Amino acid sequence: MAPATSPIRSVDGGVEIDAWVVPGSSRPGVDGLHDGAVRVRVASPPEGGKANREAARLLAAAAGGRRGTVGKGASSRRKVVLVAGVDAAGAAAALRRSGVPV
C-alpha cells in the first residue's frame, strides 16, 4: 500500500493546498477530504470567480493563513489554493482542529 500524500505542500511565503470545491452549498465551510484533497463547501455559485474567492477565503481562514488565492484549477472543482502566512505544519494543525484529517 502506497503512503498517503498530504494535500499540503510548502512554498515560498506559505503553502499550497489541494482543494475540492463544492459550490452552491447550504453549509459553507471546510469539512473533510475528497480524493486526497481538502473539501471546501461554498455558498457562492461557480460564476464570475465568486466560488473561487469564497473557497480561497474559507480555506485560508481554516488553515490559519492571512489570505488565499486560487493558483491552479480556476474552472475546475479540483483546485490548488495558495495560502500565505503559514507553514505546512501550522496549516495541517489548524485544519485538524477544524476537523479535517490531514
PDB file of N, CA and C in Angstrom:
ATOM      1  N   MET A   1       0.846  -1.179   0.000  1.00  0.00           N
ATOM      2  CA  MET A   1       0.000   0.000   0.000  1.00  0.00           C
ATOM      3  C   MET A   1       0.890   1.239   0.000  1.00  0.00           C
ATOM      4  N   ALA A   2       0.634   2.167  -0.897  1.00  0.00           N
ATOM      5  CA  ALA A   2       1.443   3.384  -1.006  1.00  0.00           C
ATOM      6  C   ALA A   2       1.121   4.324   0.149  1.00  0.00           C
ATOM      7  N   PRO A   3       2.117   5.076   0.625  1.00  0.00           N
ATOM      8  CA  PRO A   3       1.851   6.013   1.706  1.00  0.00           C
ATOM      9  C   PRO A   3       0.953   7.139   1.217  1.00  0.00           C
ATOM     10  N   ALA A   4       0.087   7.581   2.090  1.00  0.00           N
ATOM     11  CA  ALA A   4      -0.816   8.686   1.760  1.00  0.00           C
ATOM     12  C   ALA A   4      -0.010   9.969   1.614  1.00  0.00           C
ATOM     13  N   THR A   5      -0.334  10.753   0.623  1.00  0.00           N
ATOM     14  CA  THR A   5       0.345  12.028   0.444  1.00  0.00           C
ATOM     15  C   THR A   5      -0.535  13.128   1.021  1.00  0.00           C
ATOM     16  N   SER A   6       0.101  14.122   1.537  1.00  0.00           N
ATOM     17  CA  SER A   6      -0.618  15.222   2.154  1.00  0.00           C
ATOM     18  C   SER A   6      -1.106  16.192   1.079  1.00  0.00           C
ATOM     19  N   PRO A   7      -2.281  16.776   1.278  1.00  0.00           N
ATOM     20  CA  PRO A   7      -2.763  17.786   0.338  1.00  0.00           C
ATOM     21  C   PRO A   7      -2.095  19.143   0.561  1.00  0.00           C
ATOM     22  N   ILE A   8      -1.146  19.220   1.514  1.00  0.00           N
ATOM     23  CA  ILE A   8      -0.496  20.478   1.867  1.00  0.00           C
ATOM     24  C   ILE A   8       0.981  20.404   1.512  1.00  0.00           C
ATOM     25  N   ARG A   9       1.477  21.414   0.779  1.00  0.00           N
ATOM     26  CA  ARG A   9       2.887  21.486   0.408  1.00  0.00           C
ATOM     27  C   ARG A   9       3.432  22.873   0.723  1.00  0.00           C
ATOM     28  N   SER A  10       4.650  22.931   1.218  1.00  0.00           N
ATOM     29  CA  SER A  10       5.311  24.210   1.494  1.00  0.00           C
ATOM     30  C   SER A  10       5.756  24.873   0.202  1.00  0.00           C
ATOM     31  N   VAL A  11       5.578  26.182   0.129  1.00  0.00           N
ATOM     32  CA  VAL A  11       6.090  27.013  -0.965  1.00  0.00           C
ATOM     33  C   VAL A  11       6.615  28.295  -0.328  1.00  0.00           C
ATOM     34  N   ASP A  12       7.325  29.110  -1.106  1.00  0.00           N
ATOM     35  CA  ASP A  12       7.827  30.379  -0.577  1.00  0.00           C
ATOM     36  C   ASP A  12       6.664  31.238  -0.083  1.00  0.00           C
ATOM     37  N   GLY A  13       6.717  31.644   1.178  1.00  0.00           N
ATOM     38  CA  GLY A  13       5.716  32.539   1.744  1.00  0.00           C
ATOM     39  C   GLY A  13       4.444  31.891   2.233  1.00  0.00           C
ATOM     40  N   GLY A  14       4.343  30.561   2.140  1.00  0.00           N
ATOM     41  CA  GLY A  14       3.113  29.914   2.599  1.00  0.00           C
ATOM     42  C   GLY A  14       3.029  28.460   2.191  1.00  0.00           C
ATOM     43  N   VAL A  15       1.822  28.029   1.835  1.00  0.00           N
ATOM     44  CA  VAL A  15       1.588  26.644   1.454  1.00  0.00           C
ATOM     45  C   VAL A  15       0.658  26.583   0.243  1.00  0.00           C
ATOM     46  N   GLU A  16       0.712  25.460  -0.457  1.00  0.00           N
ATOM     47  CA  GLU A  16      -0.267  25.114  -1.478  1.00  0.00           C
ATOM     48  C   GLU A  16      -1.130  24.018  -0.880  1.00  0.00           C
ATOM     49  N   ILE A  17      -2.441  24.145  -1.046  1.00  0.00           N
ATOM     50  CA  ILE A  17      -3.357  23.133  -0.534  1.00  0.00           C
ATOM     51  C   ILE A  17      -4.238  22.657  -1.685  1.00  0.00           C
ATOM     52  N   ASP A  18      -4.251  21.333  -1.895  1.00  0.00           N
ATOM     53  CA  ASP A  18      -5.155  20.757  -2.891  1.00  0.00           C
ATOM     54  C   ASP A  18      -6.567  20.842  -2.315  1.00  0.00           C
ATOM     55  N   ALA A  19      -7.494  21.365  -3.107  1.00  0.00           N
ATOM     56  CA  ALA A  19      -8.866  21.552  -2.636  1.00  0.00           C
ATOM     57  C   ALA A  19      -9.862  20.995  -3.633  1.00  0.00           C
ATOM     58  N   TRP A  20     -10.966  20.476  -3.118  1.00  0.00           N
ATOM     59  CA  TRP A  20     -12.107  20.037  -3.915  1.00  0.00           C
ATOM     60  C   TRP A  20     -13.245  20.955  -3.508  1.00  0.00           C
ATOM     61  N   VAL A  21     -13.700  21.800  -4.418  1.00  0.00           N
ATOM     62  CA  VAL A  21     -14.685  22.830  -4.094  1.00  0.00           C
ATOM     63  C   VAL A  21     -16.079  22.393  -4.522  1.00  0.00           C
ATOM     64  N   VAL A  22     -17.030  22.537  -3.592  1.00  0.00           N
ATOM     65  CA  VAL A  22     -18.432  22.205  -3.839  1.00  0.00           C
ATOM     66  C   VAL A  22     -19.229  23.508  -3.783  1.00  0.00           C
ATOM     67  N   PRO A  23     -19.576  24.086  -4.956  1.00  0.00           N
ATOM     68  CA  PRO A  23     -20.304  25.359  -4.964  1.00  0.00           C
ATOM     69  C   PRO A  23     -21.792  25.160  -4.655  1.00  0.00           C
ATOM     70  N   GLY A  24     -22.456  26.254  -4.255  1.00  0.00           N
ATOM     71  CA  GLY A  24     -23.891  26.237  -4.014  1.00  0.00           C
ATOM     72  C   GLY A  24     -24.306  25.454  -2.789  1.00  0.00           C
ATOM     73  N   SER A  25     -23.441  25.331  -1.805  1.00  0.00           N
ATOM     74  CA  SER A  25     -23.739  24.554  -0.605  1.00  0.00           C
ATOM     75  C   SER A  25     -24.568  25.367   0.382  1.00  0.00           C
ATOM     76  N   SER A  26     -25.428  24.680   1.100  1.00  0.00           N
ATOM     77  CA  SER A  26     -26.205  25.356   2.139  1.00  0.00           C
ATOM     78  C   SER A  26     -25.417  25.468   3.442  1.00  0.00           C
ATOM     79  N   ARG A  27     -24.306  24.720   3.543  1.00  0.00           N
ATOM     80  CA  ARG A  27     -23.455  24.750   4.746  1.00  0.00           C
ATOM     81  C   ARG A  27     -22.013  25.020   4.347  1.00  0.00           C
ATOM     82  N   PRO A  28     -21.643  26.281   4.119  1.00  0.00           N
ATOM     83  CA  PRO A  28     -20.263  26.579   3.711  1.00  0.00           C
ATOM     84  C   PRO A  28     -19.261  26.223   4.816  1.00  0.00           C
ATOM     85  N   GLY A  29     -18.081  25.803   4.400  1.00  0.00           N
ATOM     86  CA  GLY A  29     -17.009  25.519   5.334  1.00  0.00           C
ATOM     87  C   GLY A  29     -16.079  24.440   4.815  1.00  0.00           C
ATOM     88  N   VAL A  30     -15.036  24.184   5.578  1.00  0.00           N
ATOM     89  CA  VAL A  30     -14.060  23.148   5.268  1.00  0.00           C
ATOM     90  C   VAL A  30     -14.475  21.935   6.079  1.00  0.00           C
ATOM     91  N   ASP A  31     -14.726  20.800   5.392  1.00  0.00           N
ATOM     92  CA  ASP A  31     -15.335  19.701   6.152  1.00  0.00           C
ATOM     93  C   ASP A  31     -14.823  18.305   5.868  1.00  0.00           C
ATOM     94  N   GLY A  32     -13.607  18.155   5.468  1.00  0.00           N
ATOM     95  CA  GLY A  32     -13.080  16.808   5.305  1.00  0.00           C
ATOM     96  C   GLY A  32     -12.211  16.674   4.076  1.00  0.00           C
ATOM     97  N   LEU A  33     -12.072  15.443   3.618  1.00  0.00           N
ATOM     98  CA  LEU A  33     -11.246  15.161   2.448  1.00  0.00           C
ATOM     99  C   LEU A  33     -12.104  14.546   1.345  1.00  0.00           C
ATOM    100  N   HIS A  34     -11.702  14.786   0.110  1.00  0.00           N
ATOM    101  CA  HIS A  34     -12.333  14.180  -1.051  1.00  0.00           C
ATOM    102  C   HIS A  34     -11.226  13.814  -2.027  1.00  0.00           C
ATOM    103  N   ASP A  35     -10.993  12.541  -2.221  1.00  0.00           N
ATOM    104  CA  ASP A  35      -9.997  12.067  -3.181  1.00  0.00           C
ATOM    105  C   ASP A  35      -8.625  12.716  -2.966  1.00  0.00           C
ATOM    106  N   GLY A  36      -8.200  12.799  -1.713  1.00  0.00           N
ATOM    107  CA  GLY A  36      -6.882  13.338  -1.391  1.00  0.00           C
ATOM    108  C   GLY A  36      -6.788  14.848  -1.328  1.00  0.00           C
ATOM    109  N   ALA A  37      -7.914  15.537  -1.449  1.00  0.00           N
ATOM    110  CA  ALA A  37      -7.929  16.998  -1.386  1.00  0.00           C
ATOM    111  C   ALA A  37      -8.859  17.442  -0.254  1.00  0.00           C
ATOM    112  N   VAL A  38      -8.620  18.634   0.267  1.00  0.00           N
ATOM    113  CA  VAL A  38      -9.471  19.189   1.318  1.00  0.00           C
ATOM    114  C   VAL A  38     -10.778  19.656   0.669  1.00  0.00           C
ATOM    115  N   ARG A  39     -11.920  19.161   1.188  1.00  0.00           N
ATOM    116  CA  ARG A  39     -13.226  19.538   0.646  1.00  0.00           C
ATOM    117  C   ARG A  39     -13.662  20.878   1.249  1.00  0.00           C
ATOM    118  N   VAL A  40     -13.983  21.816   0.356  1.00  0.00           N
ATOM    119  CA  VAL A  40     -14.422  23.142   0.766  1.00  0.00           C
ATOM    120  C   VAL A  40     -15.806  23.372   0.162  1.00  0.00           C
ATOM    121  N   ARG A  41     -16.799  23.555   1.016  1.00  0.00           N
ATOM    122  CA  ARG A  41     -18.165  23.837   0.552  1.00  0.00           C
ATOM    123  C   ARG A  41     -18.369  25.352   0.591  1.00  0.00           C
ATOM    124  N   VAL A  42     -18.862  25.904  -0.519  1.00  0.00           N
ATOM    125  CA  VAL A  42     -19.093  27.342  -0.598  1.00  0.00           C
ATOM    126  C   VAL A  42     -20.542  27.604  -0.995  1.00  0.00           C
ATOM    127  N   ALA A  43     -21.092  28.705  -0.527  1.00  0.00           N
ATOM    128  CA  ALA A  43     -22.464  29.078  -0.859  1.00  0.00           C
ATOM    129  C   ALA A  43     -22.535  29.746  -2.226  1.00  0.00           C
ATOM    130  N   SER A  44     -21.466  30.360  -2.647  1.00  0.00           N
ATOM    131  CA  SER A  44     -21.446  31.110  -3.905  1.00  0.00           C
ATOM    132  C   SER A  44     -21.601  30.190  -5.115  1.00  0.00           C
ATOM    133  N   PRO A  45     -22.211  30.724  -6.181  1.00  0.00           N
ATOM    134  CA  PRO A  45     -22.309  29.947  -7.421  1.00  0.00           C
ATOM    135  C   PRO A  45     -20.978  29.968  -8.175  1.00  0.00           C
ATOM    136  N   PRO A  46     -20.762  28.987  -9.054  1.00  0.00           N
ATOM    137  CA  PRO A  46     -19.500  28.936  -9.801  1.00  0.00           C
ATOM    138  C   PRO A  46     -19.524  29.852 -11.026  1.00  0.00           C
ATOM    139  N   GLU A  47     -19.723  31.129 -10.805  1.00  0.00           N
ATOM    140  CA  GLU A  47     -19.754  32.079 -11.919  1.00  0.00           C
ATOM    141  C   GLU A  47     -19.000  33.345 -11.534  1.00  0.00           C
ATOM    142  N   GLY A  48     -18.262  33.868 -12.467  1.00  0.00           N
ATOM    143  CA  GLY A  48     -17.534  35.107 -12.234  1.00  0.00           C
ATOM    144  C   GLY A  48     -16.464  35.030 -11.161  1.00  0.00           C
ATOM    145  N   GLY A  49     -16.002  33.836 -10.829  1.00  0.00           N
ATOM    146  CA  GLY A  49     -14.955  33.691  -9.816  1.00  0.00           C
ATOM    147  C   GLY A  49     -15.433  33.788  -8.384  1.00  0.00           C
ATOM    148  N   LYS A  50     -16.746  33.889  -8.174  1.00  0.00           N
ATOM    149  CA  LYS A  50     -17.279  34.035  -6.811  1.00  0.00           C
ATOM    150  C   LYS A  50     -16.954  32.821  -5.942  1.00  0.00           C
ATOM    151  N   ALA A  51     -17.172  31.619  -6.460  1.00  0.00           N
ATOM    152  CA  ALA A  51     -16.892  30.410  -5.688  1.00  0.00           C
ATOM    153  C   ALA A  51     -15.394  30.285  -5.393  1.00  0.00           C
ATOM    154  N   ASN A  52     -14.550  30.652  -6.354  1.00  0.00           N
ATOM    155  CA  ASN A  52     -13.100  30.600  -6.136  1.00  0.00           C
ATOM    156  C   ASN A  52     -12.678  31.525  -5.009  1.00  0.00           C
ATOM    157  N   ARG A  53     -13.170  32.751  -5.024  1.00  0.00           N
ATOM    158  CA  ARG A  53     -12.801  33.713  -3.972  1.00  0.00           C
ATOM    159  C   ARG A  53     -13.272  33.244  -2.600  1.00  0.00           C
ATOM    160  N   GLU A  54     -14.505  32.733  -2.524  1.00  0.00           N
ATOM    161  CA  GLU A  54     -15.018  32.258  -1.238  1.00  0.00           C
ATOM    162  C   GLU A  54     -14.234  31.034  -0.763  1.00  0.00           C
ATOM    163  N   ALA A  55     -13.928  30.105  -1.668  1.00  0.00           N
ATOM    164  CA  ALA A  55     -13.172  28.907  -1.298  1.00  0.00           C
ATOM    165  C   ALA A  55     -11.786  29.280  -0.779  1.00  0.00           C
ATOM    166  N   ALA A  56     -11.109  30.202  -1.462  1.00  0.00           N
ATOM    167  CA  ALA A  56      -9.774  30.623  -1.032  1.00  0.00           C
ATOM    168  C   ALA A  56      -9.834  31.297   0.330  1.00  0.00           C
ATOM    169  N   ARG A  57     -10.857  32.116   0.561  1.00  0.00           N
ATOM    170  CA  ARG A  57     -11.010  32.803   1.850  1.00  0.00           C
ATOM    171  C   ARG A  57     -11.273  31.800   2.968  1.00  0.00           C
ATOM    172  N   LEU A  58     -12.208  30.863   2.752  1.00  0.00           N
ATOM    173  CA  LEU A  58     -12.534  29.869   3.776  1.00  0.00           C
ATOM    174  C   LEU A  58     -11.346  28.959   4.087  1.00  0.00           C
ATOM    175  N   LEU A  59     -10.635  28.526   3.054  1.00  0.00           N
ATOM    176  CA  LEU A  59      -9.504  27.630   3.259  1.00  0.00           C
ATOM    177  C   LEU A  59      -8.357  28.343   3.970  1.00  0.00           C
ATOM    178  N   ALA A  60      -8.102  29.601   3.622  1.00  0.00           N
ATOM    179  CA  ALA A  60      -7.052  30.364   4.299  1.00  0.00           C
ATOM    180  C   ALA A  60      -7.388  30.531   5.782  1.00  0.00           C
ATOM    181  N   ALA A  61      -8.645  30.838   6.083  1.00  0.00           N
ATOM    182  CA  ALA A  61      -9.053  31.009   7.486  1.00  0.00           C
ATOM    183  C   ALA A  61      -8.919  29.689   8.248  1.00  0.00           C
ATOM    184  N   ALA A  62      -9.343  28.587   7.655  1.00  0.00           N
ATOM    185  CA  ALA A  62      -9.268  27.286   8.324  1.00  0.00           C
ATOM    186  C   ALA A  62      -7.825  26.833   8.525  1.00  0.00           C
ATOM    187  N   ALA A  63      -6.923  27.229   7.607  1.00  0.00           N
ATOM    188  CA  ALA A  63      -5.517  26.824   7.695  1.00  0.00           C
ATOM    189  C   ALA A  63      -4.685  27.785   8.545  1.00  0.00           C
ATOM    190  N   GLY A  64      -5.285  28.869   9.004  1.00  0.00           N
ATOM    191  CA  GLY A  64      -4.560  29.817   9.844  1.00  0.00           C
ATOM    192  C   GLY A  64      -3.690  30.788   9.072  1.00  0.00           C
ATOM    193  N   GLY A  65      -3.958  30.957   7.795  1.00  0.00           N
ATOM    194  CA  GLY A  65      -3.168  31.864   6.964  1.00  0.00           C
ATOM    195  C   GLY A  65      -3.791  33.248   6.868  1.00  0.00           C
ATOM    196  N   ARG A  66      -3.050  34.155   6.221  1.00  0.00           N
ATOM    197  CA  ARG A  66      -3.527  35.532   6.072  1.00  0.00           C
ATOM    198  C   ARG A  66      -4.499  35.682   4.913  1.00  0.00           C
ATOM    199  N   ARG A  67      -4.138  35.114   3.765  1.00  0.00           N
ATOM    200  CA  ARG A  67      -5.021  35.227   2.597  1.00  0.00           C
ATOM    201  C   ARG A  67      -4.787  34.035   1.681  1.00  0.00           C
ATOM    202  N   GLY A  68      -5.801  33.739   0.893  1.00  0.00           N
ATOM    203  CA  GLY A  68      -5.702  32.628  -0.042  1.00  0.00           C
ATOM    204  C   GLY A  68      -6.070  33.072  -1.441  1.00  0.00           C
ATOM    205  N   THR A  69      -5.443  32.449  -2.418  1.00  0.00           N
ATOM    206  CA  THR A  69      -5.768  32.694  -3.817  1.00  0.00           C
ATOM    207  C   THR A  69      -5.730  31.360  -4.562  1.00  0.00           C
ATOM    208  N   VAL A  70      -6.577  31.243  -5.574  1.00  0.00           N
ATOM    209  CA  VAL A  70      -6.581  30.026  -6.377  1.00  0.00           C
ATOM    210  C   VAL A  70      -5.420  30.112  -7.352  1.00  0.00           C
ATOM    211  N   GLY A  71      -4.501  29.165  -7.257  1.00  0.00           N
ATOM    212  CA  GLY A  71      -3.333  29.164  -8.121  1.00  0.00           C
ATOM    213  C   GLY A  71      -3.526  28.348  -9.381  1.00  0.00           C
ATOM    214  N   LYS A  72      -4.229  27.224  -9.281  1.00  0.00           N
ATOM    215  CA  LYS A  72      -4.484  26.342 -10.420  1.00  0.00           C
ATOM    216  C   LYS A  72      -5.907  25.815 -10.312  1.00  0.00           C
ATOM    217  N   GLY A  73      -6.520  25.561 -11.468  1.00  0.00           N
ATOM    218  CA  GLY A  73      -7.836  24.936 -11.479  1.00  0.00           C
ATOM    219  C   GLY A  73      -8.990  25.902 -11.322  1.00  0.00           C
ATOM    220  N   ALA A  74      -8.853  27.118 -11.808  1.00  0.00           N
ATOM    221  CA  ALA A  74      -9.892  28.130 -11.624  1.00  0.00           C
ATOM    222  C   ALA A  74     -11.245  27.703 -12.190  1.00  0.00           C
ATOM    223  N   SER A  75     -11.256  26.876 -13.238  1.00  0.00           N
ATOM    224  CA  SER A  75     -12.533  26.477 -13.825  1.00  0.00           C
ATOM    225  C   SER A  75     -12.885  25.019 -13.512  1.00  0.00           C
ATOM    226  N   SER A  76     -12.229  24.445 -12.532  1.00  0.00           N
ATOM    227  CA  SER A  76     -12.442  23.052 -12.155  1.00  0.00           C
ATOM    228  C   SER A  76     -12.837  22.978 -10.680  1.00  0.00           C
ATOM    229  N   ARG A  77     -13.466  21.886 -10.291  1.00  0.00           N
ATOM    230  CA  ARG A  77     -13.751  21.701  -8.857  1.00  0.00           C
ATOM    231  C   ARG A  77     -12.467  21.431  -8.084  1.00  0.00           C
ATOM    232  N   ARG A  78     -11.495  20.776  -8.730  1.00  0.00           N
ATOM    233  CA  ARG A  78     -10.213  20.479  -8.086  1.00  0.00           C
ATOM    234  C   ARG A  78      -9.290  21.665  -8.315  1.00  0.00           C
ATOM    235  N   LYS A  79      -8.810  22.261  -7.242  1.00  0.00           N
ATOM    236  CA  LYS A  79      -8.003  23.474  -7.307  1.00  0.00           C
ATOM    237  C   LYS A  79      -6.762  23.334  -6.442  1.00  0.00           C
ATOM    238  N   VAL A  80      -5.801  24.195  -6.686  1.00  0.00           N
ATOM    239  CA  VAL A  80      -4.663  24.366  -5.791  1.00  0.00           C
ATOM    240  C   VAL A  80      -4.783  25.784  -5.259  1.00  0.00           C
ATOM    241  N   VAL A  81      -4.940  25.899  -3.939  1.00  0.00           N
ATOM    242  CA  VAL A  81      -5.097  27.193  -3.299  1.00  0.00           C
ATOM    243  C   VAL A  81      -3.793  27.556  -2.606  1.00  0.00           C
ATOM    244  N   LEU A  82      -3.284  28.737  -2.903  1.00  0.00           N
ATOM    245  CA  LEU A  82      -2.077  29.243  -2.262  1.00  0.00           C
ATOM    246  C   LEU A  82      -2.493  30.026  -1.024  1.00  0.00           C
ATOM    247  N   VAL A  83      -1.986  29.630   0.136  1.00  0.00           N
ATOM    248  CA  VAL A  83      -2.314  30.294   1.398  1.00  0.00           C
ATOM    249  C   VAL A  83      -1.042  30.927   1.936  1.00  0.00           C
ATOM    250  N   ALA A  84      -1.062  32.233   2.108  1.00  0.00           N
ATOM    251  CA  ALA A  84       0.110  32.978   2.580  1.00  0.00           C
ATOM    252  C   ALA A  84       0.113  33.084   4.099  1.00  0.00           C
ATOM    253  N   GLY A  85       1.317  33.165   4.658  1.00  0.00           N
ATOM    254  CA  GLY A  85       1.477  33.464   6.073  1.00  0.00           C
ATOM    255  C   GLY A  85       1.381  32.292   7.014  1.00  0.00           C
ATOM    256  N   VAL A  86       1.548  31.079   6.515  1.00  0.00           N
ATOM    257  CA  VAL A  86       1.503  29.901   7.381  1.00  0.00           C
ATOM    258  C   VAL A  86       2.439  28.845   6.782  1.00  0.00           C
ATOM    259  N   ASP A  87       3.021  28.007   7.638  1.00  0.00           N
ATOM    260  CA  ASP A  87       3.851  26.920   7.132  1.00  0.00           C
ATOM    261  C   ASP A  87       3.027  25.632   7.089  1.00  0.00           C
ATOM    262  N   ALA A  88       3.583  24.587   6.499  1.00  0.00           N
ATOM    263  CA  ALA A  88       2.836  23.342   6.303  1.00  0.00           C
ATOM    264  C   ALA A  88       2.396  22.716   7.629  1.00  0.00           C
ATOM    265  N   ALA A  89       3.274  22.717   8.626  1.00  0.00           N
ATOM    266  CA  ALA A  89       2.922  22.126   9.922  1.00  0.00           C
ATOM    267  C   ALA A  89       1.807  22.919  10.598  1.00  0.00           C
ATOM    268  N   GLY A  90       1.886  24.249  10.535  1.00  0.00           N
ATOM    269  CA  GLY A  90       0.853  25.089  11.125  1.00  0.00           C
ATOM    270  C   GLY A  90      -0.478  24.942  10.418  1.00  0.00           C
ATOM    271  N   ALA A  91      -0.450  24.853   9.087  1.00  0.00           N
ATOM    272  CA  ALA A  91      -1.688  24.678   8.313  1.00  0.00           C
ATOM    273  C   ALA A  91      -2.320  23.331   8.623  1.00  0.00           C
ATOM    274  N   ALA A  92      -1.501  22.281   8.696  1.00  0.00           N
ATOM    275  CA  ALA A  92      -2.029  20.947   8.994  1.00  0.00           C
ATOM    276  C   ALA A  92      -2.652  20.917  10.392  1.00  0.00           C
ATOM    277  N   ALA A  93      -1.994  21.528  11.362  1.00  0.00           N
ATOM    278  CA  ALA A  93      -2.529  21.559  12.726  1.00  0.00           C
ATOM    279  C   ALA A  93      -3.852  22.333  12.777  1.00  0.00           C
ATOM    280  N   ALA A  94      -3.916  23.470  12.098  1.00  0.00           N
ATOM    281  CA  ALA A  94      -5.142  24.270  12.086  1.00  0.00           C
ATOM    282  C   ALA A  94      -6.283  23.510  11.407  1.00  0.00           C
ATOM    283  N   LEU A  95      -5.998  22.823  10.310  1.00  0.00           N
ATOM    284  CA  LEU A  95      -7.037  22.055   9.626  1.00  0.00           C
ATOM    285  C   LEU A  95      -7.507  20.884  10.478  1.00  0.00           C
ATOM    286  N   ARG A  96      -6.590  20.235  11.204  1.00  0.00           N
ATOM    287  CA  ARG A  96      -7.004  19.154  12.101  1.00  0.00           C
ATOM    288  C   ARG A  96      -7.925  19.679  13.194  1.00  0.00           C
ATOM    289  N   ARG A  97      -7.636  20.876  13.714  1.00  0.00           N
ATOM    290  CA  ARG A  97      -8.528  21.482  14.719  1.00  0.00           C
ATOM    291  C   ARG A  97      -9.904  21.778  14.125  1.00  0.00           C
ATOM    292  N   SER A  98      -9.965  22.004  12.816  1.00  0.00           N
ATOM    293  CA  SER A  98     -11.246  22.240  12.131  1.00  0.00           C
ATOM    294  C   SER A  98     -11.950  20.941  11.784  1.00  0.00           C
ATOM    295  N   GLY A  99     -11.327  19.801  12.099  1.00  0.00           N
ATOM    296  CA  GLY A  99     -11.947  18.512  11.857  1.00  0.00           C
ATOM    297  C   GLY A  99     -11.551  17.841  10.556  1.00  0.00           C
ATOM    298  N   VAL A 100     -10.525  18.382   9.869  1.00  0.00           N
ATOM    299  CA  VAL A 100     -10.058  17.789   8.619  1.00  0.00           C
ATOM    300  C   VAL A 100      -8.900  16.862   8.929  1.00  0.00           C
ATOM    301  N   PRO A 101      -9.008  15.578   8.616  1.00  0.00           N
ATOM    302  CA  PRO A 101      -7.951  14.616   8.969  1.00  0.00           C
ATOM    303  C   PRO A 101      -6.769  14.631   7.996  1.00  0.00           C
ATOM    304  N   VAL A 102      -5.945  15.677   8.073  1.00  0.00           N
ATOM    305  CA  VAL A 102      -4.763  15.780   7.196  1.00  0.00           C
ATOM    306  C   VAL A 102      -3.515  15.318   7.910  1.00  0.00           C
TER     307      VAL A 102
END
